[in-house]
Amino acid sequence: MRAVIQRVRSASVVINGGEERSIGPGLLILVGVAVGDTEEDVRLLARKCAEIRIFEDENGKMNRSAPDLGYEALVISNFTLQADTKKGRRPGFERAAKPPLAVEYYQLFVDCIGGYGLAGIKTGEFGADMQVSLINDGPVTIVMDTEEWKRG
């Protein structure tokens, strides 16, 4: 399972050209479920995303988490995070989990991350056409990959 976490001043998603969901300062998290991911992977990734200390403290060091500061998170499903780009010019998506597993694990991620003290969780809609806007603060962008953690 992969996540791209961005520290944002604000972020929003427009779903199917209609409804907009937005947050103020906090985290924009793109989540991609892979074939072979487990519930343990989902729970660990959710905890690490919620608790990552990428916000500055009074000394200018990245030592605070979004929950520490009362910030929100916007969580968007994104199967393209599982793209295989080793061969050719067209990415392959065989590693991306398909519904219903991908939907189940995305929802589990959202449910889990909601238990770590964030001020609120907004989401995209799995499988929908979405336009995501953000103001990346820093810029700070972190990639987490549970498969990489397993390899050591």
Foldseek 3Di string as FASTA:
>chain_A
DKKKKFFFQKKWKAWQNHDIDMFGTAIEIEDFDFPPDDLVNLLVVLVCNQFPQQDQDPVGDSGGGQLNVQGEYEYEYDLCVQWDDPDDDDTDRNGTDDPPVRVVSSVSSQVNNVPPRHNYYHYYDPPTDMDMDTGGPPGDMDMDDVVVVVVD
